[in-house]
Amino acid sequence: MMKKLFMTGLIMFLVFFVIGTVVWFTVEDKNNRIETKEKSFKLNEIKRINVHSDNADVHIKKGDTFHVSYEGKSKVNISNQNKTLQVSDNQNVKKRMLNVNPFNSSKAQLTITVPSKQLDEINVTTQVGILDVEDIQSSNATFWNEVTGQINVNNCTFNDTNITANETFISVNNSALSNSEISVNKGKIAINDALVKKSVFKVDRGSIELNKMQPECDLKASVNHGDISMRYLKSPKDVMLKLVPENGKIHVNVPNLHQGKNGTGQHLIELYTNQGDINIL
């Protein structure tokens, strides 16, 4: 009798499990269909770009026209408001929840192409994902990664720059930044082959790496917990070098470069750490 009841219960469990699984996957498939959307604008129609993305990887690059393309599962809004390109892909609460469907792993992609002209302003906010900005010129640039991700800036020229991030890797390559402030809570700032003027870089936990820097750079950098490393493209002649590791060491391995005034001291470099070393290589 007990064996018969056990078998009946097992069969009923399996039946309901199979039915539930089929229904779940059917609903998930309906809710997670990939949507695509594209829109183009004339050259003189856009002066500013404003993007807010909850989940998509965002790619902004030089192209022949102002063009926006999106592929993902969120509803995307694309509009031109007073010569400002507005793009948002806000997700609803359900889609922001933990993804437990092994077949639902695709990443949304948002791509914006910009003609070869200087924008007045570019403003991008991301929640989780990668932001790639390549071959763009703008008077003002503001990037904000609210949760976690990566920000890559390549071959760009920005007159005023503000980058704020939480747990993020920030990479700036072959670019010119003026009046910039880059701040990361936990992560890394890597600047490579760049001309940086009147700029401030800050990391709470992580590191700052400055590689192939132009001798004319003017900047301040600080890390609370972590190291700072700086490598010049060629040995600077006129730099005021101020290195302040509170609980760390200073390593300067550049010929004829020392703490304090070098040459005219025209270009100011100030590097600070609380718990970490400062390396000039």
C-alpha atoms as a PDB file:
ATOM      1  CA  MET A   1       0.000   0.000   0.000  1.00  0.00           C
ATOM      2  CA  MET A   2       2.749   2.431   0.965  1.00  0.00           C
ATOM      3  CA  LYS A   3       4.689   1.580  -2.201  1.00  0.00           C
ATOM      4  CA  LYS A   4       1.599   2.248  -4.324  1.00  0.00           C
ATOM      5  CA  LEU A   5       1.043   5.645  -2.647  1.00  0.00           C
ATOM      6  CA  PHE A   6       4.703   6.525  -3.122  1.00  0.00           C
ATOM      7  CA  MET A   7       4.594   5.675  -6.834  1.00  0.00           C
ATOM      8  CA  THR A   8       1.372   7.648  -7.291  1.00  0.00           C
ATOM      9  CA  GLY A   9       2.881  10.678  -5.564  1.00  0.00           C
ATOM     10  CA  LEU A  10       6.084  10.428  -7.624  1.00  0.00           C
ATOM     11  CA  ILE A  11       4.137  10.224 -10.890  1.00  0.00           C
ATOM     12  CA  MET A  12       2.014  13.245  -9.950  1.00  0.00           C
ATOM     13  CA  PHE A  13       5.146  15.208  -9.009  1.00  0.00           C
ATOM     14  CA  LEU A  14       6.814  14.397 -12.320  1.00  0.00           C
ATOM     15  CA  VAL A  15       3.696  15.323 -14.306  1.00  0.00           C
ATOM     16  CA  PHE A  16       3.314  18.707 -12.586  1.00  0.00           C
ATOM     17  CA  PHE A  17       7.069  19.331 -12.844  1.00  0.00           C
ATOM     18  CA  VAL A  18       7.056  18.726 -16.601  1.00  0.00           C
ATOM     19  CA  ILE A  19       3.955  20.878 -17.095  1.00  0.00           C
ATOM     20  CA  GLY A  20       5.434  23.692 -14.964  1.00  0.00           C
ATOM     21  CA  THR A  21       8.726  23.549 -16.828  1.00  0.00           C
ATOM     22  CA  VAL A  22       7.019  23.740 -20.228  1.00  0.00           C
ATOM     23  CA  VAL A  23       4.865  26.683 -19.127  1.00  0.00           C
ATOM     24  CA  TRP A  24       7.857  28.496 -17.600  1.00  0.00           C
ATOM     25  CA  PHE A  25       9.994  28.163 -20.702  1.00  0.00           C
ATOM     26  CA  THR A  26       7.067  29.233 -22.897  1.00  0.00           C
ATOM     27  CA  VAL A  27       6.537  32.404 -20.847  1.00  0.00           C
ATOM     28  CA  GLU A  28      10.290  33.093 -20.675  1.00  0.00           C
ATOM     29  CA  ASP A  29      10.582  32.727 -24.446  1.00  0.00           C
ATOM     30  CA  LYS A  30       7.773  35.219 -24.966  1.00  0.00           C
ATOM     31  CA  ASN A  31       9.199  37.730 -22.500  1.00  0.00           C
ATOM     32  CA  ASN A  32      12.765  37.492 -23.793  1.00  0.00           C
ATOM     33  CA  ARG A  33      12.396  37.823 -27.522  1.00  0.00           C
ATOM     34  CA  ILE A  34      15.109  39.887 -29.169  1.00  0.00           C
ATOM     35  CA  GLU A  35      13.904  43.216 -30.508  1.00  0.00           C
ATOM     36  CA  THR A  36      15.730  45.424 -33.011  1.00  0.00           C
ATOM     37  CA  LYS A  37      15.274  49.117 -33.690  1.00  0.00           C
ATOM     38  CA  GLU A  38      17.116  51.569 -35.930  1.00  0.00           C
ATOM     39  CA  LYS A  39      16.826  55.280 -36.561  1.00  0.00           C
ATOM     40  CA  SER A  40      18.872  57.857 -38.499  1.00  0.00           C
ATOM     41  CA  PHE A  41      19.209  61.634 -38.279  1.00  0.00           C
ATOM     42  CA  LYS A  42      20.598  64.332 -40.569  1.00  0.00           C
ATOM     43  CA  LEU A  43      23.986  65.924 -39.839  1.00  0.00           C
ATOM     44  CA  ASN A  44      22.644  69.300 -38.677  1.00  0.00           C
ATOM     45  CA  GLU A  45      19.876  67.767 -36.544  1.00  0.00           C
ATOM     46  CA  ILE A  46      22.087  66.632 -33.633  1.00  0.00           C
ATOM     47  CA  LYS A  47      24.453  68.653 -31.424  1.00  0.00           C
ATOM     48  CA  ARG A  48      24.250  66.653 -28.202  1.00  0.00           C
ATOM     49  CA  ILE A  49      23.902  62.991 -27.225  1.00  0.00           C
ATOM     50  CA  ASN A  50      22.189  61.769 -24.047  1.00  0.00           C
ATOM     51  CA  VAL A  51      22.072  58.009 -23.356  1.00  0.00           C
ATOM     52  CA  HIS A  52      20.685  56.089 -20.394  1.00  0.00           C
ATOM     53  CA  SER A  53      21.148  52.327 -20.510  1.00  0.00           C
ATOM     54  CA  ASP A  54      20.140  49.854 -17.809  1.00  0.00           C
ATOM     55  CA  ASN A  55      21.591  46.716 -19.325  1.00  0.00           C
ATOM     56  CA  ALA A  56      23.005  47.185 -22.832  1.00  0.00           C
ATOM     57  CA  ASP A  57      26.603  47.437 -23.938  1.00  0.00           C
ATOM     58  CA  VAL A  58      26.895  50.896 -25.504  1.00  0.00           C
ATOM     59  CA  HIS A  59      29.137  51.628 -28.493  1.00  0.00           C
ATOM     60  CA  ILE A  60      29.583  55.201 -29.737  1.00  0.00           C
ATOM     61  CA  LYS A  61      31.859  55.595 -32.753  1.00  0.00           C
ATOM     62  CA  LYS A  62      32.525  57.694 -35.836  1.00  0.00           C
ATOM     63  CA  GLY A  63      30.368  56.976 -38.875  1.00  0.00           C
ATOM     64  CA  ASP A  64      28.991  58.558 -42.027  1.00  0.00           C
ATOM     65  CA  THR A  65      25.660  59.550 -40.432  1.00  0.00           C
ATOM     66  CA  PHE A  66      23.951  59.938 -37.078  1.00  0.00           C
ATOM     67  CA  HIS A  67      22.531  56.460 -36.695  1.00  0.00           C
ATOM     68  CA  VAL A  68      21.203  54.464 -33.739  1.00  0.00           C
ATOM     69  CA  SER A  69      20.755  50.706 -33.731  1.00  0.00           C
ATOM     70  CA  TYR A  70      19.548  48.559 -30.827  1.00  0.00           C
ATOM     71  CA  GLU A  71      19.267  44.808 -30.381  1.00  0.00           C
ATOM     72  CA  GLY A  72      17.996  43.467 -27.086  1.00  0.00           C
ATOM     73  CA  LYS A  73      15.017  42.580 -24.929  1.00  0.00           C
ATOM     74  CA  SER A  74      14.126  45.985 -23.517  1.00  0.00           C
ATOM     75  CA  LYS A  75      11.902  48.656 -24.955  1.00  0.00           C
ATOM     76  CA  VAL A  76      14.220  51.353 -26.338  1.00  0.00           C
ATOM     77  CA  ASN A  77      13.217  54.986 -26.838  1.00  0.00           C
ATOM     78  CA  ILE A  78      15.013  57.060 -29.488  1.00  0.00           C
ATOM     79  CA  SER A  79      14.150  60.709 -30.097  1.00  0.00           C
ATOM     80  CA  ASN A  80      15.508  64.113 -31.066  1.00  0.00           C
ATOM     81  CA  GLN A  81      14.654  66.788 -28.537  1.00  0.00           C
ATOM     82  CA  ASN A  82      15.956  70.273 -29.331  1.00  0.00           C
ATOM     83  CA  LYS A  83      18.960  68.840 -31.262  1.00  0.00           C
ATOM     84  CA  THR A  84      19.698  66.392 -28.442  1.00  0.00           C
ATOM     85  CA  LEU A  85      19.693  62.713 -29.362  1.00  0.00           C
ATOM     86  CA  GLN A  86      17.893  60.970 -26.487  1.00  0.00           C
ATOM     87  CA  VAL A  87      18.281  57.183 -26.157  1.00  0.00           C
ATOM     88  CA  SER A  88      17.097  55.022 -23.251  1.00  0.00           C
ATOM     89  CA  ASP A  89      16.545  51.286 -22.782  1.00  0.00           C
ATOM     90  CA  ASN A  90      15.127  51.210 -19.268  1.00  0.00           C
ATOM     91  CA  GLN A  91      14.273  47.694 -18.087  1.00  0.00           C
ATOM     92  CA  ASN A  92      11.281  46.814 -15.954  1.00  0.00           C
ATOM     93  CA  VAL A  93      11.713  45.327 -12.493  1.00  0.00           C
ATOM     94  CA  LYS A  94      11.047  41.763 -13.632  1.00  0.00           C
ATOM     95  CA  LYS A  95      13.837  41.812 -16.215  1.00  0.00           C
ATOM     96  CA  ARG A  96      16.290  43.297 -13.712  1.00  0.00           C
ATOM     97  CA  MET A  97      15.892  40.272 -11.443  1.00  0.00           C
ATOM     98  CA  LEU A  98      18.479  37.506 -11.323  1.00  0.00           C
ATOM     99  CA  ASN A  99      18.545  35.558 -14.583  1.00  0.00           C
ATOM    100  CA  VAL A 100      18.031  31.858 -13.816  1.00  0.00           C
ATOM    101  CA  ASN A 101      17.215  30.787 -17.357  1.00  0.00           C
ATOM    102  CA  PRO A 102      20.336  29.102 -18.811  1.00  0.00           C
ATOM    103  CA  PHE A 103      19.097  29.862 -22.333  1.00  0.00           C
ATOM    104  CA  ASN A 104      18.673  33.583 -21.624  1.00  0.00           C
ATOM    105  CA  SER A 105      22.243  34.860 -21.718  1.00  0.00           C
ATOM    106  CA  SER A 106      22.346  37.281 -24.651  1.00  0.00           C
ATOM    107  CA  LYS A 107      23.558  40.834 -24.023  1.00  0.00           C
ATOM    108  CA  ALA A 108      21.764  43.842 -25.460  1.00  0.00           C
ATOM    109  CA  GLN A 109      23.762  46.021 -27.858  1.00  0.00           C
ATOM    110  CA  LEU A 110      23.264  49.746 -28.463  1.00  0.00           C
ATOM    111  CA  THR A 111      25.377  51.334 -31.221  1.00  0.00           C
ATOM    112  CA  ILE A 112      25.454  55.022 -32.134  1.00  0.00           C
ATOM    113  CA  THR A 113      27.476  56.353 -35.064  1.00  0.00           C
ATOM    114  CA  VAL A 114      28.468  60.011 -35.182  1.00  0.00           C
ATOM    115  CA  PRO A 115      29.762  61.953 -38.223  1.00  0.00           C
ATOM    116  CA  SER A 116      33.182  63.577 -38.053  1.00  0.00           C
ATOM    117  CA  LYS A 117      32.177  66.760 -36.226  1.00  0.00           C
ATOM    118  CA  GLN A 118      32.582  68.142 -32.731  1.00  0.00           C
ATOM    119  CA  LEU A 119      29.585  67.651 -30.489  1.00  0.00           C
ATOM    120  CA  ASP A 120      28.581  70.197 -27.889  1.00  0.00           C
ATOM    121  CA  GLU A 121      27.974  67.484 -25.304  1.00  0.00           C
ATOM    122  CA  ILE A 122      27.892  63.736 -24.832  1.00  0.00           C
ATOM    123  CA  ASN A 123      26.307  62.270 -21.714  1.00  0.00           C
ATOM    124  CA  VAL A 124      26.094  58.508 -21.096  1.00  0.00           C
ATOM    125  CA  THR A 125      24.801  56.686 -18.016  1.00  0.00           C
ATOM    126  CA  THR A 126      25.067  52.899 -17.747  1.00  0.00           C
ATOM    127  CA  GLN A 127      24.008  50.499 -15.011  1.00  0.00           C
ATOM    128  CA  VAL A 128      25.751  47.233 -15.920  1.00  0.00           C
ATOM    129  CA  GLY A 129      27.770  46.788 -19.087  1.00  0.00           C
ATOM    130  CA  ILE A 130      30.500  48.097 -21.340  1.00  0.00           C
ATOM    131  CA  LEU A 131      30.735  51.605 -22.740  1.00  0.00           C
ATOM    132  CA  ASP A 132      32.991  52.037 -25.790  1.00  0.00           C
ATOM    133  CA  VAL A 133      33.596  55.556 -27.140  1.00  0.00           C
ATOM    134  CA  GLU A 134      35.853  55.782 -30.186  1.00  0.00           C
ATOM    135  CA  ASP A 135      36.930  58.596 -32.554  1.00  0.00           C
ATOM    136  CA  ILE A 136      34.609  61.182 -30.983  1.00  0.00           C
ATOM    137  CA  GLN A 137      35.195  64.910 -30.435  1.00  0.00           C
ATOM    138  CA  SER A 138      33.087  66.796 -27.919  1.00  0.00           C
ATOM    139  CA  SER A 139      33.285  70.025 -25.947  1.00  0.00           C
ATOM    140  CA  ASN A 140      31.871  68.218 -22.898  1.00  0.00           C
ATOM    141  CA  ALA A 141      31.794  64.522 -22.030  1.00  0.00           C
ATOM    142  CA  THR A 142      30.123  62.940 -19.004  1.00  0.00           C
ATOM    143  CA  PHE A 143      30.122  59.187 -18.383  1.00  0.00           C
ATOM    144  CA  TRP A 144      28.604  57.450 -15.370  1.00  0.00           C
ATOM    145  CA  ASN A 145      28.702  53.727 -14.608  1.00  0.00           C
ATOM    146  CA  GLU A 146      26.359  53.299 -11.660  1.00  0.00           C
ATOM    147  CA  VAL A 147      26.885  49.626 -10.721  1.00  0.00           C
ATOM    148  CA  THR A 148      29.639  47.710 -12.497  1.00  0.00           C
ATOM    149  CA  GLY A 149      31.193  47.530 -15.927  1.00  0.00           C
ATOM    150  CA  GLN A 150      33.873  48.971 -18.155  1.00  0.00           C
ATOM    151  CA  ILE A 151      34.449  52.320 -19.860  1.00  0.00           C
ATOM    152  CA  ASN A 152      36.789  52.497 -22.872  1.00  0.00           C
ATOM    153  CA  VAL A 153      37.720  55.824 -24.491  1.00  0.00           C
ATOM    154  CA  ASN A 154      39.828  55.548 -27.655  1.00  0.00           C
ATOM    155  CA  ASN A 155      41.094  58.236 -30.052  1.00  0.00           C
ATOM    156  CA  CYS A 156      38.866  60.927 -28.542  1.00  0.00           C
ATOM    157  CA  THR A 157      39.242  64.636 -27.802  1.00  0.00           C
ATOM    158  CA  PHE A 158      37.214  66.120 -24.944  1.00  0.00           C
ATOM    159  CA  ASN A 159      37.592  69.683 -23.667  1.00  0.00           C
ATOM    160  CA  ASP A 160      35.800  69.006 -20.373  1.00  0.00           C
ATOM    161  CA  THR A 161      35.446  65.470 -19.053  1.00  0.00           C
ATOM    162  CA  ASN A 162      33.739  63.930 -16.050  1.00  0.00           C
ATOM    163  CA  ILE A 163      33.749  60.157 -15.525  1.00  0.00           C
ATOM    164  CA  THR A 164      32.245  58.675 -12.360  1.00  0.00           C
ATOM    165  CA  ALA A 165      32.067  54.944 -11.702  1.00  0.00           C
ATOM    166  CA  ASN A 166      31.414  52.411  -8.961  1.00  0.00           C
ATOM    167  CA  GLU A 167      33.104  49.035  -9.599  1.00  0.00           C
ATOM    168  CA  THR A 168      34.624  49.746 -12.975  1.00  0.00           C
ATOM    169  CA  PHE A 169      37.676  49.421 -15.192  1.00  0.00           C
ATOM    170  CA  ILE A 170      38.348  52.662 -17.069  1.00  0.00           C
ATOM    171  CA  SER A 171      40.667  52.722 -20.072  1.00  0.00           C
ATOM    172  CA  VAL A 172      41.668  55.864 -22.006  1.00  0.00           C
ATOM    173  CA  ASN A 173      43.886  55.367 -25.064  1.00  0.00           C
ATOM    174  CA  ASN A 174      45.445  57.752 -27.587  1.00  0.00           C
ATOM    175  CA  SER A 175      43.197  60.608 -26.484  1.00  0.00           C
ATOM    176  CA  ALA A 176      43.381  64.239 -25.373  1.00  0.00           C
ATOM    177  CA  LEU A 177      41.563  65.209 -22.181  1.00  0.00           C
ATOM    178  CA  SER A 178      41.355  68.691 -20.682  1.00  0.00           C
ATOM    179  CA  ASN A 179      39.755  69.812 -17.430  1.00  0.00           C
ATOM    180  CA  SER A 180      38.881  66.211 -16.658  1.00  0.00           C
ATOM    181  CA  GLU A 181      37.913  64.426 -13.457  1.00  0.00           C
ATOM    182  CA  ILE A 182      37.795  60.630 -13.350  1.00  0.00           C
ATOM    183  CA  SER A 183      36.655  58.957 -10.139  1.00  0.00           C
ATOM    184  CA  VAL A 184      36.253  55.232  -9.369  1.00  0.00           C
ATOM    185  CA  ASN A 185      35.078  53.678  -6.116  1.00  0.00           C
ATOM    186  CA  LYS A 186      36.608  50.254  -6.727  1.00  0.00           C
ATOM    187  CA  GLY A 187      38.546  49.334  -9.850  1.00  0.00           C
ATOM    188  CA  LYS A 188      41.264  50.701 -12.083  1.00  0.00           C
ATOM    189  CA  ILE A 189      42.066  53.760 -14.178  1.00  0.00           C
ATOM    190  CA  ALA A 190      44.434  53.036 -17.072  1.00  0.00           C
ATOM    191  CA  ILE A 191      45.578  55.943 -19.262  1.00  0.00           C
ATOM    192  CA  ASN A 192      47.726  55.088 -22.288  1.00  0.00           C
ATOM    193  CA  ASP A 193      49.457  57.367 -24.822  1.00  0.00           C
ATOM    194  CA  ALA A 194      47.438  60.431 -23.874  1.00  0.00           C
ATOM    195  CA  LEU A 195      47.805  64.176 -23.477  1.00  0.00           C
ATOM    196  CA  VAL A 196      46.116  65.142 -20.220  1.00  0.00           C
ATOM    197  CA  LYS A 197      45.742  68.756 -19.077  1.00  0.00           C
ATOM    198  CA  LYS A 198      44.399  70.111 -15.787  1.00  0.00           C
ATOM    199  CA  SER A 199      42.968  66.739 -14.768  1.00  0.00           C
ATOM    200  CA  VAL A 200      42.265  64.801 -11.592  1.00  0.00           C
ATOM    201  CA  PHE A 201      42.114  60.990 -11.270  1.00  0.00           C
ATOM    202  CA  LYS A 202      40.830  59.303  -8.097  1.00  0.00           C
ATOM    203  CA  VAL A 203      40.442  55.663  -7.021  1.00  0.00           C
ATOM    204  CA  ASP A 204      39.350  54.537  -3.562  1.00  0.00           C
ATOM    205  CA  ARG A 205      40.327  50.859  -3.869  1.00  0.00           C
ATOM    206  CA  GLY A 206      42.334  49.699  -6.847  1.00  0.00           C
ATOM    207  CA  SER A 207      45.085  51.298  -8.894  1.00  0.00           C
ATOM    208  CA  ILE A 208      46.007  53.986 -11.397  1.00  0.00           C
ATOM    209  CA  GLU A 209      48.313  53.231 -14.330  1.00  0.00           C
ATOM    210  CA  LEU A 210      49.544  56.055 -16.553  1.00  0.00           C
ATOM    211  CA  ASN A 211      51.493  54.722 -19.549  1.00  0.00           C
ATOM    212  CA  LYS A 212      53.246  56.498 -22.445  1.00  0.00           C
ATOM    213  CA  MET A 213      52.196  59.877 -21.071  1.00  0.00           C
ATOM    214  CA  GLN A 214      53.135  63.032 -22.954  1.00  0.00           C
ATOM    215  CA  PRO A 215      55.783  65.200 -21.181  1.00  0.00           C
ATOM    216  CA  GLU A 216      53.355  68.163 -21.316  1.00  0.00           C
ATOM    217  CA  CYS A 217      50.776  66.472 -19.079  1.00  0.00           C
ATOM    218  CA  ASP A 218      49.402  68.296 -16.033  1.00  0.00           C
ATOM    219  CA  LEU A 219      47.519  66.117 -13.575  1.00  0.00           C
ATOM    220  CA  LYS A 220      46.780  65.089 -10.011  1.00  0.00           C
ATOM    221  CA  ALA A 221      46.079  61.481  -9.036  1.00  0.00           C
ATOM    222  CA  SER A 222      45.227  59.778  -5.758  1.00  0.00           C
ATOM    223  CA  VAL A 223      44.548  56.212  -4.600  1.00  0.00           C
ATOM    224  CA  ASN A 224      43.363  55.413  -1.104  1.00  0.00           C
ATOM    225  CA  HIS A 225      44.183  51.682  -1.118  1.00  0.00           C
ATOM    226  CA  GLY A 226      46.467  50.760  -4.010  1.00  0.00           C
ATOM    227  CA  ASP A 227      49.418  51.874  -6.144  1.00  0.00           C
ATOM    228  CA  ILE A 228      50.048  54.539  -8.768  1.00  0.00           C
ATOM    229  CA  SER A 229      52.403  53.875 -11.677  1.00  0.00           C
ATOM    230  CA  MET A 230      53.441  56.418 -14.315  1.00  0.00           C
ATOM    231  CA  ARG A 231      55.514  55.973 -17.452  1.00  0.00           C
ATOM    232  CA  TYR A 232      56.429  58.867 -19.730  1.00  0.00           C
ATOM    233  CA  LEU A 233      56.552  58.545 -23.506  1.00  0.00           C
ATOM    234  CA  LYS A 234      59.854  60.422 -23.268  1.00  0.00           C
ATOM    235  CA  SER A 235      61.690  61.942 -20.347  1.00  0.00           C
ATOM    236  CA  PRO A 236      60.111  65.284 -19.316  1.00  0.00           C
ATOM    237  CA  LYS A 237      62.271  68.382 -18.936  1.00  0.00           C
ATOM    238  CA  ASP A 238      60.011  70.927 -17.268  1.00  0.00           C
ATOM    239  CA  VAL A 239      57.938  69.248 -14.592  1.00  0.00           C
ATOM    240  CA  MET A 240      57.118  69.924 -10.949  1.00  0.00           C
ATOM    241  CA  LEU A 241      56.956  66.460  -9.395  1.00  0.00           C
ATOM    242  CA  LYS A 242      55.151  66.025  -6.079  1.00  0.00           C
ATOM    243  CA  LEU A 243      54.940  62.436  -4.809  1.00  0.00           C
ATOM    244  CA  VAL A 244      53.218  61.769  -1.484  1.00  0.00           C
ATOM    245  CA  PRO A 245      52.730  58.128  -0.374  1.00  0.00           C
ATOM    246  CA  GLU A 246      51.435  58.287   3.215  1.00  0.00           C
ATOM    247  CA  ASN A 247      52.165  54.622   3.944  1.00  0.00           C
ATOM    248  CA  GLY A 248      54.143  53.454   0.936  1.00  0.00           C
ATOM    249  CA  LYS A 249      57.319  53.924  -1.041  1.00  0.00           C
ATOM    250  CA  ILE A 250      58.511  56.144  -3.892  1.00  0.00           C
ATOM    251  CA  HIS A 251      60.306  54.598  -6.873  1.00  0.00           C
ATOM    252  CA  VAL A 252      61.641  56.982  -9.548  1.00  0.00           C
ATOM    253  CA  ASN A 253      63.518  55.275 -12.351  1.00  0.00           C
ATOM    254  CA  VAL A 254      63.712  58.028 -15.001  1.00  0.00           C
ATOM    255  CA  PRO A 255      67.109  59.633 -15.755  1.00  0.00           C
ATOM    256  CA  ASN A 256      67.461  63.237 -14.549  1.00  0.00           C
ATOM    257  CA  LEU A 257      63.990  63.221 -12.996  1.00  0.00           C
ATOM    258  CA  HIS A 258      63.556  63.820  -9.284  1.00  0.00           C
ATOM    259  CA  GLN A 259      61.083  64.904  -6.656  1.00  0.00           C
ATOM    260  CA  GLY A 260      60.448  68.636  -6.809  1.00  0.00           C
ATOM    261  CA  LYS A 261      61.224  71.115  -9.579  1.00  0.00           C
ATOM    262  CA  ASN A 262      62.723  69.836 -12.830  1.00  0.00           C
ATOM    263  CA  GLY A 263      63.681  72.496 -15.358  1.00  0.00           C
ATOM    264  CA  THR A 264      61.147  75.316 -15.326  1.00  0.00           C
ATOM    265  CA  GLY A 265      58.618  73.174 -13.442  1.00  0.00           C
ATOM    266  CA  GLN A 266      55.932  74.292 -15.887  1.00  0.00           C
ATOM    267  CA  HIS A 267      53.933  71.039 -15.829  1.00  0.00           C
ATOM    268  CA  LEU A 268      52.601  69.896 -12.461  1.00  0.00           C
ATOM    269  CA  ILE A 269      52.347  66.222 -11.534  1.00  0.00           C
ATOM    270  CA  GLU A 270      50.954  65.432  -8.074  1.00  0.00           C
ATOM    271  CA  LEU A 271      50.511  61.800  -7.010  1.00  0.00           C
ATOM    272  CA  TYR A 272      49.097  60.702  -3.640  1.00  0.00           C
ATOM    273  CA  THR A 273      48.494  57.327  -1.995  1.00  0.00           C
ATOM    274  CA  ASN A 274      47.299  56.417   1.478  1.00  0.00           C
ATOM    275  CA  GLN A 275      48.126  52.691   1.471  1.00  0.00           C
ATOM    276  CA  GLY A 276      50.279  52.078  -1.609  1.00  0.00           C
ATOM    277  CA  ASP A 277      53.423  52.852  -3.575  1.00  0.00           C
ATOM    278  CA  ILE A 278      54.141  55.483  -6.234  1.00  0.00           C
ATOM    279  CA  ASN A 279      56.244  54.392  -9.197  1.00  0.00           C
ATOM    280  CA  ILE A 280      57.682  56.657 -11.909  1.00  0.00           C
ATOM    281  CA  LEU A 281      59.236  54.365 -14.506  1.00  0.00           C
END
